[in-house]
Amino acid sequence: MQLRYSFRLYPNGPQRVALARAFGCARVVFNDALRARESARAAGEPFPKTGDLSKLLITEAKKSEDRSWLGEVSAVVLQQSLRDLDTAYRNFFDGLKGKRPRMGAPRFKSRKDNRQAVRFTANARWRITSGGDLSLPKIGDVRVTWSRALPAVPSTVTVIKDAAGRYFASFVVESDSEPLPEKEQVVGIDLGLGHFAVLSDGTKVGAPRFLRRAEKKLKRAQRRLSRKAKGGKNRTKARIKAARAHARVADARREFHHQLSTRIIRDNQAIAVEDLAVKGLARTRLAKSVHDAGWSAFVAMLEYKAARYGRRFIRIGRFEPTSQVCSACGVKDGPKPLRIRVWECGACGAVLDRDINAAVNVAKAAGLAVSACGAQVRPVLVPAQRGEAGTHRDGQPTVAGIPAPQGGERKSNRVQQLVLDGRRGHRDGFLT
């Protein structure tokens, strides 16, 4: 399997100029090839082949006065730009045929794009020096911060400049699977917003809400950016500051996903998750929280790490009624509003935590043998969320997850005891 490793680059002044020249030349060749193919399509002619485009737009163009500066960069970078266009067209047509998710047609690149990248293959004769620098043709030896050793000799390296002005080297490495020792534990995972992940064994992972926590700083940076005149140097500085603030949020979220996914993969032999309709949820009033959670990226990490370490990954259908079925007896009693976090089964009388019950049902739907006893409410103290601890203005204690009893409504002794335990836990700063 192919793995990608990214490391931070720190080019000096002349190297940044050389990289900017490489980005620009690759962009020009890409746009020229796209224009040639779109012109052929409009005229009803067949698409020109990559070999013909390479001869016309690279070899011949270098001899002309208008494109002579293409010779200042490595020819491999320009060839890879044409291959990127082929890949973009292939993905577009495969999406139309239903072979992959639909995506837009290839578009022209701009020097103002947030992301600039060039790729070097082995033909470019790039190498890692004995001092740990990355030697790139016609650019020089660029300093790299190595966070780990590469497991094998990389086949390609992509130099990326992001919106925040940071440079990265992305290596593609062919690696064999590394099976971990087998475990007896299996787990189902219910992803949510109140808690990022709830496991079928009763473990609840709180939602870090990186975007919400940094929202004030992000708003301030965006406000300063909006007040700068377009085209000025101060606007460029403000844009980079705003991009760096967003990059810190994205990096923190990615690190959280990596740590949690690695821990789950190491501790369990089989992992089951629900196929969530993220695109649909991102069009609701919960859109900001859904994007802040990053469920798709987390599930993708679980999937590729399971394949790498010899674990079993199962994705169940999104229409499974995991929140409507009692995991103890299997009776389905219909949907429940989101404010109901604890409910009592009318058939067997089991008092169930909504999230843990859903996680157990996810594991059962995937065919994993898990115990339903983990879905019952247990008097284990966990730290209260910052916004949940305390009291209301009317002096009534907050009981998270348990709706306030209505007038004349009768409750069983077990539910009343849960309410009393929850209030007692709030006085102590904990939730049950």
Protein backbone atom coordinates (compact mmCIF):
# COMPACT_ATOMS: atom_id res chain seq x y z
CA MET A 1 0.00 0.00 0.00
CA GLN A 2 1.03 3.58 -0.59
CA LEU A 3 1.55 5.95 2.34
CA ARG A 4 2.16 9.68 2.33
CA TYR A 5 4.45 11.43 4.81
CA SER A 6 4.59 15.22 5.09
CA PHE A 7 7.40 17.24 6.62
CA ARG A 8 7.90 20.95 7.05
CA LEU A 9 10.31 22.72 4.68
CA TYR A 10 12.22 25.93 5.44
CA PRO A 11 13.58 27.34 2.15
CA ASN A 12 15.77 30.43 2.24
CA GLY A 13 15.20 33.56 0.15
CA PRO A 14 16.69 32.39 -3.20
CA GLN A 15 15.05 28.99 -2.78
CA ARG A 16 11.64 30.59 -2.24
CA VAL A 17 12.14 32.54 -5.46
CA ALA A 18 13.09 29.34 -7.31
CA LEU A 19 10.05 27.53 -5.91
CA ALA A 20 7.78 30.41 -6.94
CA ARG A 21 9.23 30.14 -10.45
CA ALA A 22 8.55 26.39 -10.48
CA PHE A 23 4.97 26.91 -9.28
CA GLY A 24 4.41 29.50 -12.00
CA CYS A 25 5.87 27.42 -14.84
CA ALA A 26 3.87 24.34 -13.85
CA ARG A 27 0.73 26.46 -13.68
CA VAL A 28 1.32 27.95 -17.15
CA VAL A 29 1.84 24.54 -18.76
CA PHE A 30 -1.29 23.20 -17.05
CA ASN A 31 -3.39 26.14 -18.24
CA ASP A 32 -2.00 25.95 -21.80
CA ALA A 33 -2.83 22.25 -22.01
CA LEU A 34 -6.31 22.79 -20.59
CA ARG A 35 -6.93 25.62 -23.08
CA ALA A 36 -5.79 23.42 -25.98
CA ARG A 37 -8.10 20.59 -25.00
CA GLU A 38 -11.08 22.86 -24.40
CA SER A 39 -10.53 24.50 -27.79
CA ALA A 40 -10.47 21.07 -29.43
CA ARG A 41 -13.68 20.08 -27.66
CA ALA A 42 -15.43 23.29 -28.75
CA ALA A 43 -14.35 22.65 -32.36
CA GLY A 44 -15.59 19.06 -32.24
CA GLU A 45 -12.10 17.64 -32.62
CA PRO A 46 -10.58 14.80 -30.56
CA PHE A 47 -8.56 15.67 -27.48
CA PRO A 48 -4.82 16.13 -28.19
CA LYS A 49 -2.73 13.42 -26.57
CA THR A 50 -0.36 14.07 -23.72
CA GLY A 51 2.69 13.32 -25.86
CA ASP A 52 1.66 15.87 -28.47
CA LEU A 53 0.99 18.46 -25.77
CA SER A 54 4.37 17.79 -24.19
CA LYS A 55 6.16 18.33 -27.49
CA LEU A 56 4.18 21.48 -28.32
CA LEU A 57 3.87 23.17 -24.91
CA ILE A 58 7.24 22.22 -23.38
CA THR A 59 9.85 21.24 -25.95
CA GLU A 60 8.85 23.70 -28.67
CA ALA A 61 7.75 26.42 -26.26
CA LYS A 62 11.21 26.59 -24.66
CA LYS A 63 12.65 27.60 -28.04
CA SER A 64 10.29 30.57 -28.39
CA GLU A 65 10.86 33.98 -26.88
CA ASP A 66 7.50 34.06 -25.06
CA ARG A 67 8.12 30.77 -23.22
CA SER A 68 11.90 30.61 -22.99
CA TRP A 69 11.74 30.93 -19.21
CA LEU A 70 10.26 27.42 -19.01
CA GLY A 71 13.84 26.16 -19.25
CA GLU A 72 14.67 27.66 -15.87
CA VAL A 73 12.85 24.87 -14.02
CA SER A 74 13.14 21.10 -14.09
CA ALA A 75 11.41 19.51 -17.09
CA VAL A 76 10.01 16.80 -14.78
CA VAL A 77 7.88 19.42 -12.99
CA LEU A 78 6.32 20.44 -16.32
CA GLN A 79 5.68 16.82 -17.37
CA GLN A 80 3.99 16.09 -14.07
CA SER A 81 1.74 19.11 -14.58
CA LEU A 82 0.43 17.50 -17.80
CA ARG A 83 -0.13 14.22 -15.95
CA ASP A 84 -2.09 16.09 -13.28
CA LEU A 85 -4.38 17.40 -16.01
CA ASP A 86 -4.89 13.85 -17.33
CA THR A 87 -5.82 12.71 -13.82
CA ALA A 88 -8.27 15.59 -13.42
CA TYR A 89 -10.02 14.69 -16.68
CA ARG A 90 -10.08 10.99 -15.80
CA ASN A 91 -11.65 11.67 -12.42
CA PHE A 92 -14.21 13.98 -14.01
CA PHE A 93 -15.31 11.43 -16.61
CA ASP A 94 -15.31 8.57 -14.06
CA GLY A 95 -17.64 10.67 -11.91
CA LEU A 96 -20.02 11.09 -14.84
CA LYS A 97 -19.99 7.32 -15.39
CA GLY A 98 -20.70 6.62 -11.72
CA LYS A 99 -17.34 4.98 -11.04
CA ARG A 100 -16.50 7.52 -8.32
CA PRO A 101 -18.15 10.48 -6.60
CA ARG A 102 -18.91 13.32 -8.97
CA MET A 103 -16.49 16.21 -9.20
CA GLY A 104 -16.22 19.31 -11.34
CA ALA A 105 -14.42 19.63 -14.63
CA PRO A 106 -10.76 20.74 -14.62
CA ARG A 107 -10.42 24.50 -14.14
CA PHE A 108 -7.69 26.98 -14.87
CA LYS A 109 -5.18 27.58 -12.09
CA SER A 110 -4.37 31.00 -10.72
CA ARG A 111 -1.33 32.46 -9.00
CA LYS A 112 -3.75 33.61 -6.29
CA ASP A 113 -4.83 30.06 -5.44
CA ASN A 114 -4.43 29.15 -1.77
CA ARG A 115 -2.40 26.05 -2.58
CA GLN A 116 0.57 25.78 -4.95
CA ALA A 117 2.36 22.49 -5.60
CA VAL A 118 4.93 20.85 -7.86
CA ARG A 119 5.90 17.19 -7.96
CA PHE A 120 9.30 15.60 -8.55
CA THR A 121 9.64 11.95 -9.57
CA ALA A 122 12.76 9.81 -9.49
CA ASN A 123 13.64 11.02 -13.01
CA ALA A 124 14.28 14.49 -11.56
CA ARG A 125 17.18 13.05 -9.53
CA TRP A 126 16.15 14.64 -6.29
CA ARG A 127 17.71 13.16 -3.16
CA ILE A 128 18.04 13.45 0.59
CA THR A 129 21.52 14.58 1.49
CA SER A 130 23.69 13.14 4.24
CA GLY A 131 22.97 16.24 6.30
CA GLY A 132 19.22 15.67 6.12
CA ASP A 133 18.41 18.34 3.52
CA LEU A 134 16.18 17.82 0.50
CA SER A 135 18.13 18.44 -2.70
CA LEU A 136 15.83 19.56 -5.54
CA PRO A 137 16.96 20.21 -9.13
CA LYS A 138 17.45 23.91 -9.97
CA ILE A 139 16.33 24.85 -6.45
CA GLY A 140 19.07 23.65 -4.11
CA ASP A 141 19.32 21.92 -0.74
CA VAL A 142 16.26 22.84 1.30
CA ARG A 143 16.22 22.40 5.07
CA VAL A 144 13.69 19.83 6.34
CA THR A 145 12.37 19.20 9.83
CA TRP A 146 12.16 15.41 10.13
CA SER A 147 9.64 14.22 12.71
CA ARG A 148 10.19 10.53 11.90
CA ALA A 149 12.22 8.28 9.63
CA LEU A 150 10.76 7.19 6.30
CA PRO A 151 9.97 3.44 6.30
CA ALA A 152 11.22 3.00 2.71
CA VAL A 153 12.75 4.89 -0.18
CA PRO A 154 10.10 7.33 -1.48
CA SER A 155 9.11 7.27 -5.13
CA THR A 156 8.01 10.89 -5.48
CA VAL A 157 8.12 14.11 -3.51
CA THR A 158 5.61 16.97 -3.79
CA VAL A 159 6.57 20.43 -2.61
CA ILE A 160 3.50 22.31 -1.35
CA LYS A 161 2.94 25.90 -0.32
CA ASP A 162 -0.29 26.39 1.63
CA ALA A 163 -2.43 29.46 2.21
CA ALA A 164 -0.48 30.36 5.34
CA GLY A 165 2.80 30.58 3.40
CA ARG A 166 4.19 27.36 4.87
CA TYR A 167 6.17 24.88 2.76
CA PHE A 168 5.85 21.10 3.04
CA ALA A 169 7.49 18.11 1.42
CA SER A 170 5.09 15.23 0.85
CA PHE A 171 6.71 11.85 0.17
CA VAL A 172 4.91 8.84 -1.33
CA VAL A 173 6.25 5.55 0.06
CA GLU A 174 5.41 1.97 -0.83
CA SER A 175 4.91 0.11 2.44
CA ASP A 176 3.83 -3.38 3.43
CA SER A 177 1.14 -4.01 6.01
CA GLU A 178 2.30 -4.22 9.63
CA PRO A 179 -0.20 -6.48 11.46
CA LEU A 180 -0.52 -5.77 15.16
CA PRO A 181 -1.02 -8.55 17.74
CA GLU A 182 -4.60 -9.78 17.67
CA LYS A 183 -7.05 -8.51 20.25
CA GLU A 184 -10.27 -9.99 21.56
CA GLN A 185 -12.05 -6.64 21.87
CA VAL A 186 -14.39 -5.38 19.17
CA VAL A 187 -16.06 -1.99 19.23
CA GLY A 188 -18.87 -0.03 17.65
CA ILE A 189 -18.55 3.74 17.38
CA ASP A 190 -21.35 6.30 17.43
CA LEU A 191 -20.15 9.71 16.23
CA GLY A 192 -21.92 12.83 17.44
CA LEU A 193 -21.62 16.49 18.37
CA GLY A 194 -22.21 16.48 22.14
CA HIS A 195 -19.53 13.78 22.39
CA PHE A 196 -17.25 13.32 19.41
CA ALA A 197 -17.30 9.53 19.73
CA VAL A 198 -19.09 7.08 22.01
CA LEU A 199 -17.80 3.50 22.06
CA SER A 200 -19.88 0.41 22.67
CA ASP A 201 -17.85 -0.36 25.81
CA GLY A 202 -19.21 2.81 27.43
CA THR A 203 -16.24 5.10 26.73
CA LYS A 204 -17.21 8.65 25.81
CA VAL A 205 -14.76 10.96 24.03
CA GLY A 206 -15.62 14.61 24.45
CA ALA A 207 -15.85 16.91 21.44
CA PRO A 208 -12.82 19.24 21.48
CA ARG A 209 -14.60 21.92 19.36
CA PHE A 210 -11.38 23.46 18.04
CA LEU A 211 -13.20 25.87 15.72
CA ARG A 212 -15.59 27.06 18.43
CA ARG A 213 -12.74 27.70 20.86
CA ALA A 214 -10.76 29.73 18.33
CA GLU A 215 -13.79 31.50 16.91
CA LYS A 216 -13.06 34.86 18.56
CA LYS A 217 -9.51 34.96 17.25
CA LEU A 218 -10.64 33.89 13.80
CA LYS A 219 -13.33 36.57 13.70
CA ARG A 220 -10.82 39.21 14.74
CA ALA A 221 -8.37 38.13 12.03
CA GLN A 222 -11.11 38.05 9.37
CA ARG A 223 -12.36 41.48 10.44
CA ARG A 224 -8.88 42.98 10.12
CA LEU A 225 -8.53 41.38 6.70
CA SER A 226 -11.83 42.80 5.46
CA ARG A 227 -10.74 46.34 6.41
CA LYS A 228 -7.56 46.27 4.34
CA ALA A 229 -7.56 47.77 0.84
CA LYS A 230 -7.42 45.21 -1.96
CA GLY A 231 -4.11 44.93 -3.72
CA GLY A 232 -2.05 46.36 -0.86
CA LYS A 233 0.76 44.77 1.11
CA ASN A 234 -1.13 45.18 4.38
CA ARG A 235 -3.96 43.07 2.98
CA THR A 236 -1.47 40.34 2.06
CA LYS A 237 -0.09 40.38 5.62
CA ALA A 238 -3.60 40.24 7.10
CA ARG A 239 -4.55 37.38 4.77
CA ILE A 240 -1.54 35.34 5.88
CA LYS A 241 -2.34 35.97 9.56
CA ALA A 242 -5.93 34.81 9.04
CA ALA A 243 -4.73 31.74 7.12
CA ARG A 244 -2.30 30.85 9.88
CA ALA A 245 -5.06 31.07 12.48
CA HIS A 246 -7.20 28.69 10.44
CA ALA A 247 -4.21 26.40 9.88
CA ARG A 248 -3.64 26.08 13.64
CA VAL A 249 -7.25 24.95 14.07
CA ALA A 250 -6.94 22.41 11.25
CA ASP A 251 -3.64 21.07 12.61
CA ALA A 252 -5.07 20.62 16.11
CA ARG A 253 -8.10 18.79 14.73
CA ARG A 254 -5.94 16.52 12.59
CA GLU A 255 -3.70 15.67 15.54
CA PHE A 256 -6.73 14.81 17.66
CA HIS A 257 -8.07 12.53 14.91
CA HIS A 258 -4.72 10.76 14.55
CA GLN A 259 -4.30 10.12 18.26
CA LEU A 260 -7.84 8.83 18.78
CA SER A 261 -7.89 6.65 15.65
CA THR A 262 -4.52 5.10 16.51
CA ARG A 263 -5.67 4.29 20.04
CA ILE A 264 -8.87 2.65 18.79
CA ILE A 265 -7.00 0.61 16.17
CA ARG A 266 -4.47 -0.65 18.71
CA ASP A 267 -7.05 -1.66 21.31
CA ASN A 268 -9.63 -3.41 19.09
CA GLN A 269 -9.58 -6.18 16.51
CA ALA A 270 -12.72 -5.01 14.67
CA ILE A 271 -14.20 -1.52 14.39
CA ALA A 272 -17.70 -0.68 13.17
CA VAL A 273 -18.90 2.81 12.30
CA GLU A 274 -22.05 4.25 10.76
CA ASP A 275 -22.04 5.75 7.27
CA LEU A 276 -23.13 9.29 8.11
CA ALA A 277 -24.69 11.67 5.59
CA VAL A 278 -22.16 14.43 6.26
CA LYS A 279 -23.05 16.46 3.16
CA GLY A 280 -26.70 16.50 4.18
CA LEU A 281 -25.95 17.47 7.78
CA ALA A 282 -23.62 20.21 6.55
CA ARG A 283 -26.62 21.94 4.97
CA THR A 284 -28.53 22.24 8.25
CA ARG A 285 -28.28 24.69 11.14
CA LEU A 286 -25.64 22.38 12.63
CA ALA A 287 -23.29 22.94 9.68
CA LYS A 288 -20.53 24.71 11.62
CA SER A 289 -20.46 22.05 14.33
CA VAL A 290 -20.50 19.25 11.74
CA HIS A 291 -17.51 20.73 9.90
CA ASP A 292 -15.77 21.37 13.20
CA ALA A 293 -16.06 17.69 14.16
CA GLY A 294 -14.49 16.38 10.93
CA TRP A 295 -16.16 12.96 10.96
CA SER A 296 -15.18 12.05 7.39
CA ALA A 297 -11.47 12.64 7.99
CA PHE A 298 -11.61 10.59 11.20
CA VAL A 299 -13.39 7.64 9.55
CA ALA A 300 -10.93 7.74 6.64
CA MET A 301 -8.06 7.48 9.13
CA LEU A 302 -9.69 4.50 10.81
CA GLU A 303 -10.15 2.79 7.46
CA TYR A 304 -6.60 3.09 6.17
CA LYS A 305 -5.03 2.33 9.56
CA ALA A 306 -7.17 -0.79 9.87
CA ALA A 307 -5.94 -1.94 6.45
CA ARG A 308 -2.35 -1.23 7.42
CA TYR A 309 -2.36 -2.90 10.83
CA GLY A 310 -4.48 -5.94 10.02
CA ARG A 311 -7.69 -4.84 11.71
CA ARG A 312 -11.22 -5.32 10.45
CA PHE A 313 -13.13 -2.17 9.50
CA ILE A 314 -16.90 -2.30 8.90
CA ARG A 315 -19.15 0.51 7.73
CA ILE A 316 -22.88 -0.05 8.24
CA GLY A 317 -25.69 1.66 6.34
CA ARG A 318 -26.85 5.11 7.36
CA PHE A 319 -30.48 4.01 7.59
CA GLU A 320 -29.94 1.56 10.45
CA PRO A 321 -32.24 2.62 13.36
CA THR A 322 -29.45 2.53 15.93
CA SER A 323 -31.10 5.14 18.19
CA GLN A 324 -34.57 3.56 18.05
CA VAL A 325 -33.79 -0.05 18.99
CA CYS A 326 -33.21 -1.33 22.51
CA SER A 327 -29.85 -3.07 22.53
CA ALA A 328 -30.97 -5.34 25.37
CA CYS A 329 -34.13 -6.87 23.88
CA GLY A 330 -34.13 -5.60 20.28
CA VAL A 331 -37.53 -3.88 20.41
CA LYS A 332 -37.92 -0.81 18.19
CA ASP A 333 -40.04 1.90 19.79
CA GLY A 334 -39.65 4.72 17.25
CA PRO A 335 -37.59 7.89 16.92
CA LYS A 336 -36.88 10.20 19.83
CA PRO A 337 -36.07 13.93 19.93
CA LEU A 338 -32.46 14.91 20.48
CA ARG A 339 -33.20 16.25 23.96
CA ILE A 340 -33.87 12.67 25.17
CA ARG A 341 -30.46 11.37 26.22
CA VAL A 342 -31.64 8.64 28.61
CA TRP A 343 -34.73 6.51 27.99
CA GLU A 344 -36.42 3.44 29.39
CA CYS A 345 -37.39 0.54 27.16
CA GLY A 346 -41.12 -0.10 27.36
CA ALA A 347 -40.66 -3.82 26.66
CA CYS A 348 -37.89 -4.95 29.01
CA GLY A 349 -37.59 -1.93 31.32
CA ALA A 350 -33.88 -1.37 30.65
CA VAL A 351 -32.72 2.20 31.22
CA LEU A 352 -30.45 3.08 28.33
CA ASP A 353 -28.02 5.83 27.51
CA ARG A 354 -28.90 7.03 24.01
CA ASP A 355 -25.33 7.26 22.69
CA ILE A 356 -23.97 4.05 24.22
CA ASN A 357 -27.07 2.18 23.09
CA ALA A 358 -26.51 3.46 19.52
CA ALA A 359 -22.85 2.38 19.62
CA VAL A 360 -23.84 -1.13 20.74
CA ASN A 361 -26.42 -1.32 17.94
CA VAL A 362 -23.78 -0.19 15.42
CA ALA A 363 -21.56 -3.08 16.49
CA LYS A 364 -24.46 -5.55 16.33
CA ALA A 365 -25.51 -4.35 12.87
CA ALA A 366 -21.94 -5.02 11.71
CA GLY A 367 -22.13 -8.58 13.03
CA LEU A 368 -19.81 -8.05 15.96
CA ALA A 369 -20.47 -9.93 19.18
CA VAL A 370 -20.75 -7.23 21.82
CA SER A 371 -22.56 -7.23 25.13
CA ALA A 372 -25.65 -5.07 25.40
CA CYS A 373 -25.01 -4.50 29.09
CA GLY A 374 -22.64 -1.68 28.17
CA ALA A 375 -25.61 0.34 26.95
CA GLN A 376 -27.17 0.66 30.39
CA VAL A 377 -26.57 3.76 32.46
CA ARG A 378 -23.77 3.23 34.96
CA PRO A 379 -23.05 5.50 37.97
CA VAL A 380 -19.53 6.36 36.78
CA LEU A 381 -18.42 9.94 37.48
CA VAL A 382 -17.08 11.86 34.49
CA PRO A 383 -16.08 15.54 34.40
CA ALA A 384 -18.93 17.85 33.49
CA GLN A 385 -18.74 19.93 30.31
CA ARG A 386 -17.93 23.60 30.84
CA GLY A 387 -21.35 24.74 29.61
CA GLU A 388 -23.29 22.09 31.55
CA ALA A 389 -22.11 22.58 35.14
CA GLY A 390 -23.89 25.06 37.39
CA THR A 391 -27.51 26.04 37.96
CA HIS A 392 -30.29 27.83 36.10
CA ARG A 393 -31.32 31.36 36.98
CA ASP A 394 -34.45 30.06 38.67
CA GLY A 395 -32.30 28.04 41.07
CA GLN A 396 -33.15 24.65 39.57
CA PRO A 397 -30.11 22.39 39.06
CA THR A 398 -29.17 21.42 35.50
CA VAL A 399 -29.65 17.75 34.68
CA ALA A 400 -27.93 17.08 31.35
CA GLY A 401 -29.60 14.54 29.08
CA ILE A 402 -32.74 14.09 31.24
CA PRO A 403 -35.78 16.20 30.34
CA ALA A 404 -37.54 18.04 33.12
CA PRO A 405 -40.67 16.17 34.30
CA GLN A 406 -43.96 17.62 33.08
CA GLY A 407 -46.96 18.25 35.33
CA GLY A 408 -48.86 15.09 36.12
CA GLU A 409 -46.24 12.91 34.42
CA ARG A 410 -45.41 9.76 36.33
CA LYS A 411 -41.94 8.30 36.32
CA SER A 412 -40.70 4.95 37.45
CA ASN A 413 -38.58 4.64 40.57
CA ARG A 414 -35.50 3.86 38.47
CA VAL A 415 -35.74 7.05 36.40
CA GLN A 416 -36.41 9.12 39.56
CA GLN A 417 -33.30 7.67 41.12
CA LEU A 418 -31.28 8.64 37.99
CA VAL A 419 -32.52 12.21 38.25
CA LEU A 420 -31.55 12.38 41.92
CA ASP A 421 -28.11 10.94 41.16
CA GLY A 422 -27.61 13.44 38.36
CA ARG A 423 -28.50 16.38 40.61
CA ARG A 424 -26.18 15.11 43.30
CA GLY A 425 -23.41 14.80 40.70
CA HIS A 426 -23.95 18.37 39.56
CA ARG A 427 -23.53 19.66 43.08
CA ASP A 428 -20.19 17.86 43.18
CA GLY A 429 -19.14 19.16 39.75
CA PHE A 430 -19.64 15.82 37.97
CA LEU A 431 -22.30 14.19 35.80
CA THR A 432 -23.53 10.65 36.19
